[in-house]
């Protein structure tokens, strides 16, 4: 099934409705368009390099080249407007358990650092 999985990931990477980035633990992450406003809304809490868009280009020599488009260059005006209408709570709910778990880890880490001072 490895060939099928590879083919499917290439379809996802080429979709205009999917952001490919390294959001979750620095691993390739696929984010559907409907979640982009939530990401933008919470971008201040996330590492900006994790929000960079990853694109794979095919060169004329048949090689693959990976390019990055920094955040917020890939964010359109409608996505910015939608993000501005979201509350932090709504954005967290849209992103689900991953976001809550991440926030909890960050909160715990900050508490540990305060106690060590």
PDB file of N, CA and C in Angstrom:
ATOM      1  N   UNK A   1       0.812  -1.197   0.000  1.00  0.00           N
ATOM      2  CA  UNK A   1       0.000   0.000   0.000  1.00  0.00           C
ATOM      3  C   UNK A   1       0.856   1.261   0.000  1.00  0.00           C
ATOM      4  N   UNK A   2       2.159   1.125   0.120  1.00  0.00           N
ATOM      5  CA  UNK A   2       3.019   2.309   0.192  1.00  0.00           C
ATOM      6  C   UNK A   2       2.887   3.182  -1.054  1.00  0.00           C
ATOM      7  N   UNK A   3       2.724   2.558  -2.223  1.00  0.00           N
ATOM      8  CA  UNK A   3       2.580   3.337  -3.457  1.00  0.00           C
ATOM      9  C   UNK A   3       1.266   4.119  -3.466  1.00  0.00           C
ATOM     10  N   UNK A   4       0.215   3.508  -2.943  1.00  0.00           N
ATOM     11  CA  UNK A   4      -1.075   4.193  -2.862  1.00  0.00           C
ATOM     12  C   UNK A   4      -1.002   5.371  -1.882  1.00  0.00           C
ATOM     13  N   UNK A   5      -0.377   5.155  -0.762  1.00  0.00           N
ATOM     14  CA  UNK A   5      -0.243   6.225   0.232  1.00  0.00           C
ATOM     15  C   UNK A   5       0.558   7.373  -0.356  1.00  0.00           C
ATOM     16  N   UNK A   6       1.652   7.061  -1.029  1.00  0.00           N
ATOM     17  CA  UNK A   6       2.470   8.096  -1.661  1.00  0.00           C
ATOM     18  C   UNK A   6       1.646   8.879  -2.676  1.00  0.00           C
ATOM     19  N   UNK A   7       0.894   8.185  -3.520  1.00  0.00           N
ATOM     20  CA  UNK A   7       0.071   8.845  -4.538  1.00  0.00           C
ATOM     21  C   UNK A   7      -0.977   9.754  -3.888  1.00  0.00           C
ATOM     22  N   UNK A   8      -1.590   9.293  -2.816  1.00  0.00           N
ATOM     23  CA  UNK A   8      -2.596  10.102  -2.122  1.00  0.00           C
ATOM     24  C   UNK A   8      -1.981  11.345  -1.482  1.00  0.00           C
ATOM     25  N   UNK A   9      -0.798  11.204  -0.895  1.00  0.00           N
ATOM     26  CA  UNK A   9      -0.165  12.385  -0.304  1.00  0.00           C
ATOM     27  C   UNK A   9       0.181  13.405  -1.383  1.00  0.00           C
ATOM     28  N   UNK A  10       0.528  12.950  -2.571  1.00  0.00           N
ATOM     29  CA  UNK A  10       0.821  13.878  -3.669  1.00  0.00           C
ATOM     30  C   UNK A  10      -0.449  14.583  -4.134  1.00  0.00           C
ATOM     31  N   UNK A  11      -1.572  13.885  -4.125  1.00  0.00           N
ATOM     32  CA  UNK A  11      -2.838  14.541  -4.461  1.00  0.00           C
ATOM     33  C   UNK A  11      -3.169  15.630  -3.441  1.00  0.00           C
ATOM     34  N   UNK A  12      -2.984  15.305  -2.179  1.00  0.00           N
ATOM     35  CA  UNK A  12      -3.236  16.292  -1.126  1.00  0.00           C
ATOM     36  C   UNK A  12      -2.316  17.500  -1.272  1.00  0.00           C
ATOM     37  N   UNK A  13      -1.043  17.247  -1.498  1.00  0.00           N
ATOM     38  CA  UNK A  13      -0.069  18.337  -1.618  1.00  0.00           C
ATOM     39  C   UNK A  13      -0.396  19.272  -2.775  1.00  0.00           C
ATOM     40  N   UNK A  14      -1.021  18.757  -3.802  1.00  0.00           N
ATOM     41  CA  UNK A  14      -1.320  19.581  -4.974  1.00  0.00           C
ATOM     42  C   UNK A  14      -2.685  20.254  -4.916  1.00  0.00           C
ATOM     43  N   UNK A  15      -3.447  19.999  -3.879  1.00  0.00           N
ATOM     44  CA  UNK A  15      -4.779  20.580  -3.763  1.00  0.00           C
ATOM     45  C   UNK A  15      -4.700  22.042  -3.316  1.00  0.00           C
ATOM     46  N   UNK A  16      -5.437  22.928  -3.971  1.00  0.00           N
ATOM     47  CA  UNK A  16      -5.469  24.320  -3.535  1.00  0.00           C
ATOM     48  C   UNK A  16      -6.237  24.495  -2.220  1.00  0.00           C
ATOM     49  N   UNK A  17      -6.912  23.446  -1.785  1.00  0.00           N
ATOM     50  CA  UNK A  17      -7.703  23.500  -0.552  1.00  0.00           C
ATOM     51  C   UNK A  17      -6.949  22.954   0.661  1.00  0.00           C
ATOM     52  N   UNK A  18      -5.685  22.619   0.487  1.00  0.00           N
ATOM     53  CA  UNK A  18      -4.914  22.022   1.571  1.00  0.00           C
ATOM     54  C   UNK A  18      -3.601  22.779   1.748  1.00  0.00           C
ATOM     55  N   UNK A  19      -3.361  23.227   2.985  1.00  0.00           N
ATOM     56  CA  UNK A  19      -2.081  23.814   3.343  1.00  0.00           C
ATOM     57  C   UNK A  19      -1.188  22.682   3.830  1.00  0.00           C
ATOM     58  N   UNK A  20      -0.006  22.589   3.252  1.00  0.00           N
ATOM     59  CA  UNK A  20       0.981  21.619   3.711  1.00  0.00           C
ATOM     60  C   UNK A  20       2.023  22.416   4.491  1.00  0.00           C
ATOM     61  N   UNK A  21       2.212  22.032   5.741  1.00  0.00           N
ATOM     62  CA  UNK A  21       3.168  22.743   6.603  1.00  0.00           C
ATOM     63  C   UNK A  21       3.738  21.729   7.593  1.00  0.00           C
ATOM     64  N   UNK A  22       4.488  22.207   8.550  1.00  0.00           N
ATOM     65  CA  UNK A  22       5.059  21.331   9.591  1.00  0.00           C
ATOM     66  C   UNK A  22       4.510  21.744  10.960  1.00  0.00           C
ATOM     67  N   UNK A  23       3.218  21.846  11.038  1.00  0.00           N
ATOM     68  CA  UNK A  23       2.547  22.393  12.214  1.00  0.00           C
ATOM     69  C   UNK A  23       2.655  21.513  13.454  1.00  0.00           C
ATOM     70  N   UNK A  24       2.377  20.243  13.322  1.00  0.00           N
ATOM     71  CA  UNK A  24       2.306  19.352  14.484  1.00  0.00           C
ATOM     72  C   UNK A  24       3.649  18.662  14.697  1.00  0.00           C
ATOM     73  N   UNK A  25       4.333  19.067  15.754  1.00  0.00           N
ATOM     74  CA  UNK A  25       5.616  18.473  16.132  1.00  0.00           C
ATOM     75  C   UNK A  25       6.653  18.500  15.010  1.00  0.00           C
ATOM     76  N   UNK A  26       6.578  19.479  14.120  1.00  0.00           N
ATOM     77  CA  UNK A  26       7.544  19.613  13.037  1.00  0.00           C
ATOM     78  C   UNK A  26       7.362  18.606  11.921  1.00  0.00           C
ATOM     79  N   UNK A  27       6.277  17.850  11.970  1.00  0.00           N
ATOM     80  CA  UNK A  27       5.999  16.828  10.954  1.00  0.00           C
ATOM     81  C   UNK A  27       5.084  17.402   9.872  1.00  0.00           C
ATOM     82  N   UNK A  28       5.144  16.815   8.680  1.00  0.00           N
ATOM     83  CA  UNK A  28       4.258  17.254   7.598  1.00  0.00           C
ATOM     84  C   UNK A  28       2.823  17.166   8.088  1.00  0.00           C
ATOM     85  N   UNK A  29       2.111  18.260   7.933  1.00  0.00           N
ATOM     86  CA  UNK A  29       0.731  18.367   8.395  1.00  0.00           C
ATOM     87  C   UNK A  29      -0.116  18.909   7.258  1.00  0.00           C
ATOM     88  N   UNK A  30      -1.267  18.317   7.038  1.00  0.00           N
ATOM     89  CA  UNK A  30      -2.201  18.758   5.997  1.00  0.00           C
ATOM     90  C   UNK A  30      -3.366  19.462   6.687  1.00  0.00           C
ATOM     91  N   UNK A  31      -3.598  20.731   6.306  1.00  0.00           N
ATOM     92  CA  UNK A  31      -4.646  21.515   6.950  1.00  0.00           C
ATOM     93  C   UNK A  31      -5.642  21.961   5.890  1.00  0.00           C
ATOM     94  N   UNK A  32      -6.900  21.546   6.041  1.00  0.00           N
ATOM     95  CA  UNK A  32      -7.938  21.929   5.082  1.00  0.00           C
ATOM     96  C   UNK A  32      -8.244  23.414   5.178  1.00  0.00           C
ATOM     97  N   UNK A  33      -8.630  23.983   4.071  1.00  0.00           N
ATOM     98  CA  UNK A  33      -8.936  25.417   3.930  1.00  0.00           C
ATOM     99  C   UNK A  33      -9.886  25.939   5.008  1.00  0.00           C
ATOM    100  N   UNK A  34     -10.854  25.146   5.413  1.00  0.00           N
ATOM    101  CA  UNK A  34     -11.824  25.638   6.397  1.00  0.00           C
ATOM    102  C   UNK A  34     -11.187  25.923   7.752  1.00  0.00           C
ATOM    103  N   UNK A  35      -9.989  25.382   8.006  1.00  0.00           N
ATOM    104  CA  UNK A  35      -9.300  25.617   9.275  1.00  0.00           C
ATOM    105  C   UNK A  35      -8.268  26.738   9.205  1.00  0.00           C
ATOM    106  N   UNK A  36      -8.013  27.276   8.039  1.00  0.00           N
ATOM    107  CA  UNK A  36      -7.011  28.326   7.901  1.00  0.00           C
ATOM    108  C   UNK A  36      -7.310  29.552   8.758  1.00  0.00           C
ATOM    109  N   UNK A  37      -8.576  30.020   8.819  1.00  0.00           N
ATOM    110  CA  UNK A  37      -8.830  31.181   9.685  1.00  0.00           C
ATOM    111  C   UNK A  37      -8.458  30.915  11.149  1.00  0.00           C
ATOM    112  N   UNK A  38      -8.710  29.709  11.629  1.00  0.00           N
ATOM    113  CA  UNK A  38      -8.358  29.379  13.017  1.00  0.00           C
ATOM    114  C   UNK A  38      -6.844  29.421  13.209  1.00  0.00           C
ATOM    115  N   UNK A  39      -6.094  28.908  12.244  1.00  0.00           N
ATOM    116  CA  UNK A  39      -4.631  28.972  12.329  1.00  0.00           C
ATOM    117  C   UNK A  39      -4.148  30.415  12.366  1.00  0.00           C
ATOM    118  N   UNK A  40      -4.717  31.230  11.479  1.00  0.00           N
ATOM    119  CA  UNK A  40      -4.319  32.632  11.411  1.00  0.00           C
ATOM    120  C   UNK A  40      -4.665  33.333  12.719  1.00  0.00           C
ATOM    121  N   UNK A  41      -5.834  33.041  13.269  1.00  0.00           N
ATOM    122  CA  UNK A  41      -6.270  33.669  14.520  1.00  0.00           C
ATOM    123  C   UNK A  41      -5.315  33.355  15.665  1.00  0.00           C
ATOM    124  N   UNK A  42      -4.781  32.125  15.683  1.00  0.00           N
ATOM    125  CA  UNK A  42      -3.902  31.694  16.777  1.00  0.00           C
ATOM    126  C   UNK A  42      -2.417  31.755  16.410  1.00  0.00           C
ATOM    127  N   UNK A  43      -2.102  32.353  15.281  1.00  0.00           N
ATOM    128  CA  UNK A  43      -0.716  32.368  14.789  1.00  0.00           C
ATOM    129  C   UNK A  43       0.262  32.959  15.803  1.00  0.00           C
ATOM    130  N   UNK A  44      -0.178  33.910  16.602  1.00  0.00           N
ATOM    131  CA  UNK A  44       0.698  34.515  17.601  1.00  0.00           C
ATOM    132  C   UNK A  44       1.167  33.534  18.659  1.00  0.00           C
ATOM    133  N   UNK A  45       0.459  32.435  18.802  1.00  0.00           N
ATOM    134  CA  UNK A  45       0.813  31.427  19.804  1.00  0.00           C
ATOM    135  C   UNK A  45       1.601  30.271  19.203  1.00  0.00           C
ATOM    136  N   UNK A  46       1.729  30.275  17.886  1.00  0.00           N
ATOM    137  CA  UNK A  46       2.396  29.179  17.194  1.00  0.00           C
ATOM    138  C   UNK A  46       3.732  29.647  16.653  1.00  0.00           C
ATOM    139  N   UNK A  47       4.622  28.722  16.429  1.00  0.00           N
ATOM    140  CA  UNK A  47       5.906  29.063  15.830  1.00  0.00           C
ATOM    141  C   UNK A  47       5.668  29.384  14.360  1.00  0.00           C
ATOM    142  N   UNK A  48       6.074  30.580  13.943  1.00  0.00           N
ATOM    143  CA  UNK A  48       5.792  31.047  12.583  1.00  0.00           C
ATOM    144  C   UNK A  48       6.382  30.121  11.523  1.00  0.00           C
ATOM    145  N   UNK A  49       7.554  29.546  11.797  1.00  0.00           N
ATOM    146  CA  UNK A  49       8.145  28.659  10.792  1.00  0.00           C
ATOM    147  C   UNK A  49       7.296  27.404  10.597  1.00  0.00           C
ATOM    148  N   UNK A  50       6.493  27.046  11.595  1.00  0.00           N
ATOM    149  CA  UNK A  50       5.606  25.881  11.466  1.00  0.00           C
ATOM    150  C   UNK A  50       4.406  26.167  10.573  1.00  0.00           C
ATOM    151  N   UNK A  51       4.165  27.462  10.316  1.00  0.00           N
ATOM    152  CA  UNK A  51       3.038  27.859   9.473  1.00  0.00           C
ATOM    153  C   UNK A  51       3.464  28.158   8.038  1.00  0.00           C
ATOM    154  N   UNK A  52       4.720  27.931   7.717  1.00  0.00           N
ATOM    155  CA  UNK A  52       5.193  28.154   6.348  1.00  0.00           C
ATOM    156  C   UNK A  52       4.595  27.102   5.425  1.00  0.00           C
ATOM    157  N   UNK A  53       4.144  27.557   4.267  1.00  0.00           N
ATOM    158  CA  UNK A  53       3.568  26.646   3.272  1.00  0.00           C
ATOM    159  C   UNK A  53       4.693  25.901   2.561  1.00  0.00           C
ATOM    160  N   UNK A  54       4.560  24.590   2.478  1.00  0.00           N
ATOM    161  CA  UNK A  54       5.532  23.750   1.791  1.00  0.00           C
ATOM    162  C   UNK A  54       4.957  23.378   0.430  1.00  0.00           C
ATOM    163  N   UNK A  55       5.711  23.645  -0.606  1.00  0.00           N
ATOM    164  CA  UNK A  55       5.301  23.269  -1.968  1.00  0.00           C
ATOM    165  C   UNK A  55       6.395  22.428  -2.591  1.00  0.00           C
ATOM    166  N   UNK A  56       5.997  21.453  -3.367  1.00  0.00           N
ATOM    167  CA  UNK A  56       6.941  20.613  -4.079  1.00  0.00           C
ATOM    168  C   UNK A  56       6.803  20.918  -5.562  1.00  0.00           C
ATOM    169  N   UNK A  57       7.903  21.348  -6.164  1.00  0.00           N
ATOM    170  CA  UNK A  57       7.902  21.689  -7.580  1.00  0.00           C
ATOM    171  C   UNK A  57       8.674  20.634  -8.356  1.00  0.00           C
ATOM    172  N   UNK A  58       8.232  20.394  -9.576  1.00  0.00           N
ATOM    173  CA  UNK A  58       8.935  19.473 -10.467  1.00  0.00           C
ATOM    174  C   UNK A  58       9.740  20.310 -11.452  1.00  0.00           C
ATOM    175  N   UNK A  59      11.043  20.113 -11.469  1.00  0.00           N
ATOM    176  CA  UNK A  59      11.894  20.887 -12.361  1.00  0.00           C
ATOM    177  C   UNK A  59      11.859  20.283 -13.760  1.00  0.00           C
ATOM    178  N   UNK A  60      12.388  21.024 -14.724  1.00  0.00           N
ATOM    179  CA  UNK A  60      12.427  20.529 -16.107  1.00  0.00           C
ATOM    180  C   UNK A  60      13.322  19.301 -16.238  1.00  0.00           C
ATOM    181  N   UNK A  61      14.213  19.097 -15.275  1.00  0.00           N
ATOM    182  CA  UNK A  61      15.094  17.925 -15.287  1.00  0.00           C
ATOM    183  C   UNK A  61      14.448  16.718 -14.599  1.00  0.00           C
ATOM    184  N   UNK A  62      13.198  16.878 -14.153  1.00  0.00           N
ATOM    185  CA  UNK A  62      12.494  15.774 -13.514  1.00  0.00           C
ATOM    186  C   UNK A  62      12.776  15.627 -12.030  1.00  0.00           C
ATOM    187  N   UNK A  63      13.475  16.583 -11.463  1.00  0.00           N
ATOM    188  CA  UNK A  63      13.769  16.543 -10.037  1.00  0.00           C
ATOM    189  C   UNK A  63      12.660  17.221  -9.251  1.00  0.00           C
ATOM    190  N   UNK A  64      12.620  16.932  -7.970  1.00  0.00           N
ATOM    191  CA  UNK A  64      11.647  17.564  -7.072  1.00  0.00           C
ATOM    192  C   UNK A  64      12.386  18.612  -6.247  1.00  0.00           C
ATOM    193  N   UNK A  65      11.814  19.799  -6.175  1.00  0.00           N
ATOM    194  CA  UNK A  65      12.360  20.865  -5.352  1.00  0.00           C
ATOM    195  C   UNK A  65      11.310  21.297  -4.354  1.00  0.00           C
ATOM    196  N   UNK A  66      11.698  21.400  -3.100  1.00  0.00           N
ATOM    197  CA  UNK A  66      10.781  21.842  -2.059  1.00  0.00           C
ATOM    198  C   UNK A  66      10.998  23.342  -1.847  1.00  0.00           C
ATOM    199  N   UNK A  67       9.896  24.083  -1.884  1.00  0.00           N
ATOM    200  CA  UNK A  67       9.977  25.519  -1.619  1.00  0.00           C
ATOM    201  C   UNK A  67       9.081  25.852  -0.426  1.00  0.00           C
ATOM    202  N   UNK A  68       9.430  26.903   0.274  1.00  0.00           N
ATOM    203  CA  UNK A  68       8.639  27.370   1.414  1.00  0.00           C
ATOM    204  C   UNK A  68       8.132  28.770   1.118  1.00  0.00           C
ATOM    205  N   UNK A  69       6.880  29.007   1.483  1.00  0.00           N
ATOM    206  CA  UNK A  69       6.336  30.358   1.424  1.00  0.00           C
ATOM    207  C   UNK A  69       5.966  30.714   2.858  1.00  0.00           C
ATOM    208  N   UNK A  70       6.638  31.720   3.378  1.00  0.00           N
ATOM    209  CA  UNK A  70       6.515  32.086   4.784  1.00  0.00           C
ATOM    210  C   UNK A  70       5.099  32.531   5.130  1.00  0.00           C
ATOM    211  N   UNK A  71       4.738  32.318   6.384  1.00  0.00           N
ATOM    212  CA  UNK A  71       3.510  32.869   6.924  1.00  0.00           C
ATOM    213  C   UNK A  71       3.776  34.343   7.179  1.00  0.00           C
ATOM    214  N   UNK A  72       2.922  35.245   6.837  1.00  0.00           N
ATOM    215  CA  UNK A  72       1.557  35.119   6.331  1.00  0.00           C
ATOM    216  C   UNK A  72       1.422  35.328   4.823  1.00  0.00           C
ATOM    217  N   UNK A  73       2.513  35.171   4.070  1.00  0.00           N
ATOM    218  CA  UNK A  73       2.453  35.411   2.628  1.00  0.00           C
ATOM    219  C   UNK A  73       1.383  34.584   1.917  1.00  0.00           C
ATOM    220  N   UNK A  74       1.137  33.376   2.383  1.00  0.00           N
ATOM    221  CA  UNK A  74       0.174  32.502   1.709  1.00  0.00           C
ATOM    222  C   UNK A  74      -1.266  32.799   2.111  1.00  0.00           C
ATOM    223  N   UNK A  75      -1.479  33.654   3.101  1.00  0.00           N
ATOM    224  CA  UNK A  75      -2.826  33.920   3.619  1.00  0.00           C
ATOM    225  C   UNK A  75      -3.522  34.979   2.761  1.00  0.00           C
ATOM    226  N   UNK A  76      -4.688  34.633   2.251  1.00  0.00           N
ATOM    227  CA  UNK A  76      -5.461  35.556   1.415  1.00  0.00           C
ATOM    228  C   UNK A  76      -6.243  36.545   2.275  1.00  0.00           C
ATOM    229  N   UNK A  77      -6.703  37.617   1.663  1.00  0.00           N
ATOM    230  CA  UNK A  77      -7.502  38.625   2.376  1.00  0.00           C
ATOM    231  C   UNK A  77      -8.777  38.028   2.967  1.00  0.00           C
ATOM    232  N   UNK A  78      -9.515  37.170   2.230  1.00  0.00           N
ATOM    233  CA  UNK A  78     -10.715  36.578   2.846  1.00  0.00           C
ATOM    234  C   UNK A  78     -10.405  35.727   4.080  1.00  0.00           C
ATOM    235  N   UNK A  79      -9.280  35.039   4.068  1.00  0.00           N
ATOM    236  CA  UNK A  79      -8.899  34.228   5.237  1.00  0.00           C
ATOM    237  C   UNK A  79      -8.550  35.149   6.411  1.00  0.00           C
ATOM    238  N   UNK A  80      -7.849  36.243   6.140  1.00  0.00           N
ATOM    239  CA  UNK A  80      -7.553  37.224   7.202  1.00  0.00           C
ATOM    240  C   UNK A  80      -8.846  37.773   7.805  1.00  0.00           C
ATOM    241  N   UNK A  81      -9.816  38.105   6.954  1.00  0.00           N
ATOM    242  CA  UNK A  81     -11.088  38.648   7.455  1.00  0.00           C
ATOM    243  C   UNK A  81     -11.829  37.612   8.297  1.00  0.00           C
ATOM    244  N   UNK A  82     -11.852  36.368   7.826  1.00  0.00           N
ATOM    245  CA  UNK A  82     -12.515  35.299   8.580  1.00  0.00           C
ATOM    246  C   UNK A  82     -11.827  35.080   9.927  1.00  0.00           C
ATOM    247  N   UNK A  83     -10.503  35.166   9.950  1.00  0.00           N
ATOM    248  CA  UNK A  83      -9.749  34.992  11.196  1.00  0.00           C
ATOM    249  C   UNK A  83     -10.077  36.103  12.183  1.00  0.00           C
ATOM    250  N   UNK A  84     -10.233  37.312  11.669  1.00  0.00           N
ATOM    251  CA  UNK A  84     -10.532  38.461  12.542  1.00  0.00           C
ATOM    252  C   UNK A  84     -11.905  38.327  13.203  1.00  0.00           C
ATOM    253  N   UNK A  85     -12.804  37.590  12.570  1.00  0.00           N
ATOM    254  CA  UNK A  85     -14.153  37.399  13.130  1.00  0.00           C
ATOM    255  C   UNK A  85     -14.196  36.300  14.187  1.00  0.00           C
ATOM    256  N   UNK A  86     -13.166  35.476  14.265  1.00  0.00           N
ATOM    257  CA  UNK A  86     -13.135  34.371  15.228  1.00  0.00           C
ATOM    258  C   UNK A  86     -12.627  34.840  16.586  1.00  0.00           C
ATOM    259  N   UNK A  87     -13.197  34.284  17.626  1.00  0.00           N
ATOM    260  CA  UNK A  87     -12.621  34.474  18.955  1.00  0.00           C
ATOM    261  C   UNK A  87     -11.529  33.420  19.136  1.00  0.00           C
ATOM    262  N   UNK A  88     -10.692  33.604  20.131  1.00  0.00           N
ATOM    263  CA  UNK A  88      -9.664  32.594  20.414  1.00  0.00           C
ATOM    264  C   UNK A  88     -10.309  31.251  20.734  1.00  0.00           C
ATOM    265  N   UNK A  89     -11.380  31.286  21.497  1.00  0.00           N
ATOM    266  CA  UNK A  89     -12.076  30.054  21.874  1.00  0.00           C
ATOM    267  C   UNK A  89     -12.613  29.339  20.643  1.00  0.00           C
ATOM    268  N   UNK A  90     -13.222  30.082  19.732  1.00  0.00           N
ATOM    269  CA  UNK A  90     -13.743  29.478  18.500  1.00  0.00           C
ATOM    270  C   UNK A  90     -12.614  28.865  17.678  1.00  0.00           C
ATOM    271  N   UNK A  91     -11.487  29.573  17.609  1.00  0.00           N
ATOM    272  CA  UNK A  91     -10.351  29.056  16.847  1.00  0.00           C
ATOM    273  C   UNK A  91      -9.819  27.769  17.471  1.00  0.00           C
ATOM    274  N   UNK A  92      -9.707  27.758  18.794  1.00  0.00           N
ATOM    275  CA  UNK A  92      -9.242  26.543  19.477  1.00  0.00           C
ATOM    276  C   UNK A  92     -10.202  25.377  19.261  1.00  0.00           C
ATOM    277  N   UNK A  93     -11.496  25.667  19.331  1.00  0.00           N
ATOM    278  CA  UNK A  93     -12.494  24.612  19.115  1.00  0.00           C
ATOM    279  C   UNK A  93     -12.402  24.076  17.689  1.00  0.00           C
ATOM    280  N   UNK A  94     -12.187  24.948  16.725  1.00  0.00           N
ATOM    281  CA  UNK A  94     -12.077  24.515  15.326  1.00  0.00           C
ATOM    282  C   UNK A  94     -10.879  23.591  15.130  1.00  0.00           C
ATOM    283  N   UNK A  95      -9.780  23.894  15.820  1.00  0.00           N
ATOM    284  CA  UNK A  95      -8.573  23.083  15.669  1.00  0.00           C
ATOM    285  C   UNK A  95      -8.608  21.821  16.520  1.00  0.00           C
ATOM    286  N   UNK A  96      -9.486  21.778  17.497  1.00  0.00           N
ATOM    287  CA  UNK A  96      -9.740  20.554  18.236  1.00  0.00           C
ATOM    288  C   UNK A  96      -8.703  20.170  19.267  1.00  0.00           C
ATOM    289  N   UNK A  97      -8.644  18.885  19.521  1.00  0.00           N
ATOM    290  CA  UNK A  97      -7.857  18.332  20.615  1.00  0.00           C
ATOM    291  C   UNK A  97      -6.377  18.659  20.489  1.00  0.00           C
ATOM    292  N   UNK A  98      -5.843  18.687  19.261  1.00  0.00           N
ATOM    293  CA  UNK A  98      -4.428  18.987  19.090  1.00  0.00           C
ATOM    294  C   UNK A  98      -4.093  20.339  19.714  1.00  0.00           C
ATOM    295  N   UNK A  99      -4.915  21.314  19.440  1.00  0.00           N
ATOM    296  CA  UNK A  99      -4.672  22.677  19.930  1.00  0.00           C
ATOM    297  C   UNK A  99      -4.783  22.720  21.451  1.00  0.00           C
ATOM    298  N   UNK A 100      -5.769  22.063  22.004  1.00  0.00           N
ATOM    299  CA  UNK A 100      -5.950  22.042  23.457  1.00  0.00           C
ATOM    300  C   UNK A 100      -4.777  21.351  24.141  1.00  0.00           C
ATOM    301  N   UNK A 101      -4.336  20.237  23.574  1.00  0.00           N
ATOM    302  CA  UNK A 101      -3.218  19.497  24.158  1.00  0.00           C
ATOM    303  C   UNK A 101      -1.947  20.325  24.080  1.00  0.00           C
ATOM    304  N   UNK A 102      -1.740  21.019  22.967  1.00  0.00           N
ATOM    305  CA  UNK A 102      -0.574  21.861  22.783  1.00  0.00           C
ATOM    306  C   UNK A 102      -0.578  23.004  23.793  1.00  0.00           C
ATOM    307  N   UNK A 103      -1.732  23.648  23.948  1.00  0.00           N
ATOM    308  CA  UNK A 103      -1.849  24.759  24.888  1.00  0.00           C
ATOM    309  C   UNK A 103      -1.571  24.282  26.309  1.00  0.00           C
ATOM    310  N   UNK A 104      -2.061  23.100  26.643  1.00  0.00           N
ATOM    311  CA  UNK A 104      -1.839  22.541  27.969  1.00  0.00           C
ATOM    312  C   UNK A 104      -0.349  22.270  28.202  1.00  0.00           C
ATOM    313  N   UNK A 105       0.333  21.700  27.196  1.00  0.00           N
ATOM    314  CA  UNK A 105       1.771  21.443  27.311  1.00  0.00           C
ATOM    315  C   UNK A 105       2.532  22.748  27.508  1.00  0.00           C
ATOM    316  N   UNK A 106       2.175  23.771  26.711  1.00  0.00           N
ATOM    317  CA  UNK A 106       2.842  25.066  26.817  1.00  0.00           C
ATOM    318  C   UNK A 106       2.606  25.675  28.201  1.00  0.00           C
ATOM    319  N   UNK A 107       1.379  25.572  28.698  1.00  0.00           N
ATOM    320  CA  UNK A 107       1.046  26.118  30.014  1.00  0.00           C
ATOM    321  C   UNK A 107       1.862  25.400  31.092  1.00  0.00           C
ATOM    322  N   UNK A 108       1.921  24.079  31.020  1.00  0.00           N
ATOM    323  CA  UNK A 108       2.676  23.307  32.006  1.00  0.00           C
ATOM    324  C   UNK A 108       4.160  23.643  31.939  1.00  0.00           C
ATOM    325  N   UNK A 109       4.695  23.776  30.733  1.00  0.00           N
ATOM    326  CA  UNK A 109       6.108  24.103  30.553  1.00  0.00           C
ATOM    327  C   UNK A 109       6.411  25.479  31.157  1.00  0.00           C
ATOM    328  N   UNK A 110       5.524  26.435  30.958  1.00  0.00           N
ATOM    329  CA  UNK A 110       5.716  27.782  31.514  1.00  0.00           C
ATOM    330  C   UNK A 110       5.706  27.730  33.037  1.00  0.00           C
ATOM    331  N   UNK A 111       4.821  26.913  33.609  1.00  0.00           N
ATOM    332  CA  UNK A 111       4.764  26.762  35.062  1.00  0.00           C
ATOM    333  C   UNK A 111       6.038  26.164  35.615  1.00  0.00           C
ATOM    334  N   UNK A 112       6.581  25.195  34.937  1.00  0.00           N
ATOM    335  CA  UNK A 112       7.840  24.566  35.358  1.00  0.00           C
ATOM    336  C   UNK A 112       8.964  25.590  35.320  1.00  0.00           C
ATOM    337  N   UNK A 113       9.006  26.393  34.267  1.00  0.00           N
ATOM    338  CA  UNK A 113      10.067  27.395  34.136  1.00  0.00           C
ATOM    339  C   UNK A 113       9.952  28.451  35.237  1.00  0.00           C
ATOM    340  N   UNK A 114       8.728  28.842  35.602  1.00  0.00           N
ATOM    341  CA  UNK A 114       8.542  29.828  36.684  1.00  0.00           C
ATOM    342  C   UNK A 114       9.054  29.247  38.007  1.00  0.00           C
ATOM    343  N   UNK A 115       8.756  27.982  38.257  1.00  0.00           N
ATOM    344  CA  UNK A 115       9.174  27.357  39.525  1.00  0.00           C
ATOM    345  C   UNK A 115      10.685  27.212  39.617  1.00  0.00           C
ATOM    346  N   UNK A 116      11.351  27.051  38.479  1.00  0.00           N
ATOM    347  CA  UNK A 116      12.800  26.865  38.479  1.00  0.00           C
ATOM    348  C   UNK A 116      13.546  28.150  38.754  1.00  0.00           C
ATOM    349  N   UNK A 117      12.915  29.291  38.577  1.00  0.00           N
ATOM    350  CA  UNK A 117      13.601  30.586  38.789  1.00  0.00           C
ATOM    351  C   UNK A 117      13.878  30.869  40.202  1.00  0.00           C
TER     352      UNK A 117
END
